[in-house]
Structures are given as C-alpha cells and as structure tokens.
Amino acid sequence: MEQDNTQQQNNVPQTPAQPAAAALQGARQQRGFGGPRQGGFNRGPGGQGGFGGKPGFRRGFGGPRGDKPEKLYDSKTIEISRVTRVTGGGKKMSFRSIVVIGDKNGKVGLGVAKGKDVAMANEKAGRYAKRAMIIVPIVNGTIPHEVRSRAGASEIILKPQAQGRGIVAGGAARVIFSMAGYKNVTAKYLGNTKNKLNNARAAFLALSKLKMNKKKGEAKDQLAVAKPSDQIQE
C-alpha cells in the first residue's frame, strides 16, 4: 500500500513554473533591472557608464576602470638605525629609516618610519615621504633667497650660489638639495649636533620657507637694501 501511494504521488503532474518566471523577468526588464550590464547598474535603457538612462554620467560603476599610472620618484636613504623599546615582556628591536624622495625638478619629500626589518622600514618611510612632498622654487638652479631654519638642536642657513659653484653642503642637506633639483646652493649648520634626523628636518623646513615673487615670477629678494642715509659720506 505504501508503495502504491508513493507511485501515485510521483505520477501527479506538477504545474510548470516557467510562465511565472517569465512574467517576473518581463516586469524586471520594464523597470530597468536584469538587462545586460554595460558599465553601470543599468537602471533603464541607457546605462553605458552611468546609472541607466543617464549616458552622460562619465565613470560608471562596474565598467572598465582607467587607473592612472603611479608616478615614480628617486629615493635615497639617509640613515638606518636599530632602535630598542623596553616593555614589560622584554625588549623589542626594530629598525628606523630616514628616506628622501624627489623628482629633481622642484618636488621633494622627507619620511621617517620604523619596521621589523630594513625593507619594511624603507617602504613605510618612502610612503610617508610621498605624503609629505612639497614644491620648492628653483631659480637658475639655486634658491631664490637666503633662509634660516631650526629643528630641535639643529640650525641651518641656506644661501643662493652662482652657477657652476655646485652644492656646498654636507650630510643630509646635500641629499635633500640634490633630490629637490638644486645645482648650486650653499648650506651651513650652525649647531653642534650630529643628529641626522634633526639636520634633515631643519634643511627640509628651510626649503618649505622659500617664496617667489607672484608678480613677475622672479625671486623675492629679502636682503636689506642700503638707504642713501646709511651710506658712508666722504
């Protein structure tokens, strides 16, 4: 008896669900959903590059994305030092890296970062330097005017130089000037500190203080001009 009941249940004709599915699909297409995807959500007959019905929308979610190529910069490591942090569980050793990047055409950046190894520290410092990039003015291969800056115990003074003189600077300042694109500049550290991080920060801060004359695009002269009354009379 049980076998006969199961056979009768299996022989019962089932109503096909195709008409209901077709009707649902037709309703969705009328509202704009379910059509071919051509770069957007396709909420309507338009849909190329936008929200459907708006072909003028430029980007379009889901379409081919035109990624811009990442601009490459020259980089140089000033210093890699090993640092140790003492905690309750013991000592944790890491590496600190000071990296300077630039395009040698008026853009330069300085970054400092720590990592578990040298490669990680250099990568993080390069990322931070790219975020902190500044644009510096270059006039005939030198700085537009004299400037002085200080960072911690380090103090530096920069002076413009004639063509062919070269970069008269040492340590971290020389690296920063070359990455920025300067050919002739003179720098002098006035402090006695040998901390390369403070020296690099002082030089970088000094470059950020440089200004240009907005009217003629020439260097803004900040040197004092002698008045006629100040001249020596014979």
Protein backbone atom coordinates (compact mmCIF):
# COMPACT_ATOMS: atom_id res chain seq x y z
CA MET A 1 0.00 0.00 0.00
CA GLU A 2 2.74 2.42 0.86
CA GLN A 3 4.49 1.72 -2.44
CA ASP A 4 1.25 2.37 -4.35
CA ASN A 5 0.78 5.72 -2.57
CA THR A 6 4.31 6.85 -3.40
CA GLN A 7 3.83 5.88 -7.05
CA GLN A 8 0.56 7.81 -7.20
CA GLN A 9 2.27 10.88 -5.70
CA ASN A 10 5.10 10.65 -8.19
CA ASN A 11 2.63 10.36 -11.09
CA VAL A 12 0.79 13.56 -10.10
CA PRO A 13 1.51 16.18 -12.82
CA GLN A 14 3.29 19.27 -11.49
CA THR A 15 2.47 22.72 -12.81
CA PRO A 16 5.43 24.28 -14.58
CA ALA A 17 6.87 27.47 -13.04
CA GLN A 18 8.12 28.83 -16.34
CA PRO A 19 5.20 31.23 -17.03
CA ALA A 20 5.57 32.83 -13.58
CA ALA A 21 9.34 33.21 -14.01
CA ALA A 22 8.90 34.72 -17.47
CA ALA A 23 6.34 37.20 -16.14
CA LEU A 24 8.67 38.20 -13.32
CA GLN A 25 11.57 38.66 -15.73
CA GLY A 26 9.42 40.83 -18.01
CA ALA A 27 8.39 43.02 -15.10
CA ARG A 28 12.01 43.43 -14.04
CA GLN A 29 13.08 44.42 -17.56
CA GLN A 30 10.30 47.01 -17.75
CA ARG A 31 11.61 48.61 -14.56
CA GLY A 32 15.18 48.54 -15.93
CA PHE A 33 16.64 45.65 -13.87
CA GLY A 34 18.03 42.46 -15.30
CA GLY A 35 19.29 43.83 -18.62
CA PRO A 36 22.82 43.38 -19.98
CA ARG A 37 25.47 45.09 -17.87
CA GLN A 38 27.50 47.60 -19.88
CA GLY A 39 29.45 49.57 -17.35
CA GLY A 40 26.84 50.64 -14.83
CA PHE A 41 23.90 49.50 -12.79
CA ASN A 42 21.77 49.73 -15.95
CA ARG A 43 18.63 51.11 -14.33
CA GLY A 44 16.98 51.83 -17.64
CA PRO A 45 17.65 51.68 -21.37
CA GLY A 46 20.77 53.87 -21.19
CA GLY A 47 23.25 52.56 -18.70
CA GLN A 48 26.54 52.94 -20.53
CA GLY A 49 28.88 54.38 -17.96
CA GLY A 50 26.23 55.51 -15.51
CA PHE A 51 23.04 54.73 -13.61
CA GLY A 52 20.95 53.84 -16.68
CA GLY A 53 19.04 56.45 -18.62
CA LYS A 54 22.00 58.80 -17.98
CA PRO A 55 24.56 58.06 -20.68
CA GLY A 56 26.32 61.32 -19.83
CA PHE A 57 27.45 60.03 -16.43
CA ARG A 58 31.16 59.57 -17.05
CA ARG A 59 32.54 56.91 -14.77
CA GLY A 60 30.05 54.11 -14.29
CA PHE A 61 30.25 51.54 -11.52
CA GLY A 62 31.28 48.12 -12.76
CA GLY A 63 32.79 49.27 -16.05
CA PRO A 64 36.46 49.24 -17.00
CA ARG A 65 38.36 51.43 -14.58
CA GLY A 66 41.13 53.57 -16.02
CA ASP A 67 43.75 53.55 -13.26
CA LYS A 68 46.37 56.27 -13.57
CA PRO A 69 49.97 55.07 -13.59
CA GLU A 70 51.75 55.82 -10.36
CA LYS A 71 54.45 58.43 -10.73
CA LEU A 72 57.88 57.20 -9.76
CA TYR A 73 60.36 59.27 -7.76
CA ASP A 74 64.02 58.87 -6.99
CA SER A 75 64.68 57.88 -3.40
CA LYS A 76 67.71 57.77 -1.18
CA THR A 77 68.17 56.53 2.36
CA ILE A 78 69.91 58.92 4.73
CA GLU A 79 70.22 56.64 7.74
CA ILE A 80 69.13 53.24 9.01
CA SER A 81 69.44 52.76 12.75
CA ARG A 82 68.44 49.97 15.11
CA VAL A 83 66.20 51.02 17.97
CA THR A 84 65.10 49.06 21.01
CA ARG A 85 61.96 49.53 23.09
CA VAL A 86 61.84 48.09 26.58
CA THR A 87 58.45 46.72 27.64
CA GLY A 88 57.15 44.56 30.46
CA GLY A 89 57.66 41.42 28.39
CA GLY A 90 61.22 42.27 27.41
CA LYS A 91 63.00 44.23 24.69
CA LYS A 92 61.54 44.73 21.23
CA MET A 93 64.02 45.55 18.50
CA SER A 94 63.10 47.39 15.31
CA PHE A 95 64.74 49.48 12.59
CA ARG A 96 64.27 53.18 11.86
CA SER A 97 64.77 54.52 8.35
CA ILE A 98 65.08 58.11 7.08
CA VAL A 99 64.24 58.36 3.38
CA VAL A 100 64.24 61.32 0.98
CA ILE A 101 62.37 61.16 -2.33
CA GLY A 102 62.11 63.68 -5.17
CA ASP A 103 61.81 64.15 -8.91
CA LYS A 104 64.84 66.51 -9.16
CA ASN A 105 62.56 69.12 -10.64
CA GLY A 106 61.13 71.00 -7.66
CA LYS A 107 59.42 68.24 -5.64
CA VAL A 108 60.95 66.68 -2.53
CA GLY A 109 59.70 64.77 0.49
CA LEU A 110 61.11 63.50 3.78
CA GLY A 111 59.83 60.45 5.65
CA VAL A 112 60.75 58.61 8.86
CA ALA A 113 59.34 55.21 9.82
CA LYS A 114 60.06 52.10 11.86
CA GLY A 115 59.70 48.47 10.88
CA LYS A 116 60.53 44.95 11.96
CA ASP A 117 63.16 44.72 9.23
CA VAL A 118 65.06 47.12 6.97
CA ALA A 119 62.87 46.53 3.92
CA MET A 120 59.66 47.28 5.83
CA ALA A 121 61.14 50.43 7.38
CA ASN A 122 62.29 51.72 3.98
CA GLU A 123 58.90 51.03 2.40
CA LYS A 124 56.98 52.82 5.14
CA ALA A 125 59.38 55.77 5.15
CA GLY A 126 59.02 56.10 1.38
CA ARG A 127 55.23 56.16 1.72
CA TYR A 128 55.36 58.82 4.40
CA ALA A 129 57.79 60.89 2.34
CA LYS A 130 55.45 60.78 -0.65
CA ARG A 131 52.60 62.09 1.51
CA ALA A 132 54.73 64.95 2.86
CA MET A 133 56.07 66.15 -0.50
CA ILE A 134 56.43 69.88 -1.08
CA ILE A 135 57.09 72.00 -4.16
CA VAL A 136 60.14 74.26 -3.87
CA PRO A 137 61.08 77.18 -6.14
CA ILE A 138 64.18 76.86 -8.33
CA VAL A 139 65.73 79.97 -9.91
CA ASN A 140 68.62 79.27 -12.30
CA GLY A 141 69.45 76.10 -10.39
CA THR A 142 69.62 77.75 -6.96
CA ILE A 143 67.34 79.00 -4.19
CA PRO A 144 65.64 82.39 -4.63
CA HIS A 145 66.83 83.98 -1.37
CA GLU A 146 68.60 83.37 1.89
CA VAL A 147 66.70 81.47 4.55
CA ARG A 148 67.34 80.10 8.03
CA SER A 149 65.54 77.36 9.91
CA ARG A 150 65.81 75.29 13.06
CA ALA A 151 64.64 71.82 14.15
CA GLY A 152 65.47 70.68 17.66
CA ALA A 153 69.12 71.38 18.37
CA SER A 154 69.97 71.71 14.67
CA GLU A 155 70.05 75.10 12.95
CA ILE A 156 70.86 75.66 9.28
CA ILE A 157 71.27 78.64 6.97
CA LEU A 158 70.89 78.46 3.18
CA LYS A 159 72.30 80.94 0.70
CA PRO A 160 71.95 81.17 -3.09
CA GLN A 161 75.05 80.48 -5.14
CA ALA A 162 76.33 81.41 -8.59
CA GLN A 163 76.18 78.97 -11.48
CA GLY A 164 78.92 76.38 -11.54
CA ARG A 165 79.60 76.57 -7.81
CA GLY A 166 77.80 73.33 -7.03
CA ILE A 167 76.18 72.15 -3.80
CA VAL A 168 78.31 73.26 -0.88
CA ALA A 169 76.69 71.24 1.87
CA GLY A 170 77.21 68.01 3.68
CA GLY A 171 75.27 65.22 5.29
CA ALA A 172 71.51 65.12 5.00
CA ALA A 173 71.22 68.61 3.49
CA ARG A 174 73.21 67.62 0.40
CA VAL A 175 70.91 64.66 -0.27
CA ILE A 176 67.77 66.79 0.11
CA PHE A 177 69.08 69.51 -2.22
CA SER A 178 70.05 67.03 -4.92
CA MET A 179 66.66 65.29 -4.74
CA ALA A 180 64.89 68.65 -5.00
CA GLY A 181 66.81 69.53 -8.16
CA TYR A 182 69.16 72.28 -6.97
CA LYS A 183 72.53 72.55 -8.70
CA ASN A 184 74.10 75.48 -6.84
CA VAL A 185 73.40 76.20 -3.19
CA THR A 186 75.38 76.75 0.00
CA ALA A 187 74.31 75.43 3.40
CA LYS A 188 75.89 75.76 6.81
CA TYR A 189 74.90 74.05 10.07
CA LEU A 190 75.15 76.49 12.95
CA GLY A 191 74.57 73.95 15.71
CA ASN A 192 76.94 71.31 17.01
CA THR A 193 74.53 68.39 16.88
CA LYS A 194 75.29 65.36 14.72
CA ASN A 195 71.73 64.04 14.77
CA LYS A 196 70.95 63.28 11.12
CA LEU A 197 67.20 63.36 11.68
CA ASN A 198 67.23 66.87 13.12
CA ASN A 199 69.63 68.03 10.41
CA ALA A 200 67.37 66.63 7.69
CA ARG A 201 64.29 68.20 9.25
CA ALA A 202 66.00 71.58 9.53
CA ALA A 203 67.01 71.51 5.84
CA PHE A 204 63.54 70.35 4.76
CA LEU A 205 61.86 73.06 6.84
CA ALA A 206 64.18 75.69 5.37
CA LEU A 207 63.16 74.68 1.82
CA SER A 208 59.50 74.93 2.78
CA LYS A 209 60.04 78.59 3.76
CA LEU A 210 61.24 79.63 0.31
CA LYS A 211 58.92 82.01 -1.56
CA MET A 212 58.66 83.50 -5.04
CA ASN A 213 57.51 86.87 -6.29
CA LYS A 214 53.98 86.38 -7.62
CA LYS A 215 54.02 89.41 -9.96
CA LYS A 216 56.95 88.69 -12.25
CA GLY A 217 57.77 85.15 -11.23
CA GLU A 218 61.20 86.23 -10.09
CA ALA A 219 62.88 85.60 -6.78
CA LYS A 220 61.68 87.60 -3.85
CA ASP A 221 64.66 89.50 -2.57
CA GLN A 222 64.68 89.52 1.22
CA LEU A 223 68.11 91.09 1.60
CA ALA A 224 68.25 94.51 3.17
CA VAL A 225 68.77 97.39 0.73
CA ALA A 226 71.04 100.18 1.93
CA LYS A 227 69.34 103.56 2.18
CA PRO A 228 71.04 106.74 0.96
CA SER A 229 71.27 107.99 4.54
CA ASP A 230 73.06 104.80 5.62
CA GLN A 231 75.82 105.15 3.03
CA ILE A 232 79.17 106.44 4.17
CA GLN A 233 79.72 110.05 3.18
CA GLU A 234 83.22 111.14 2.46
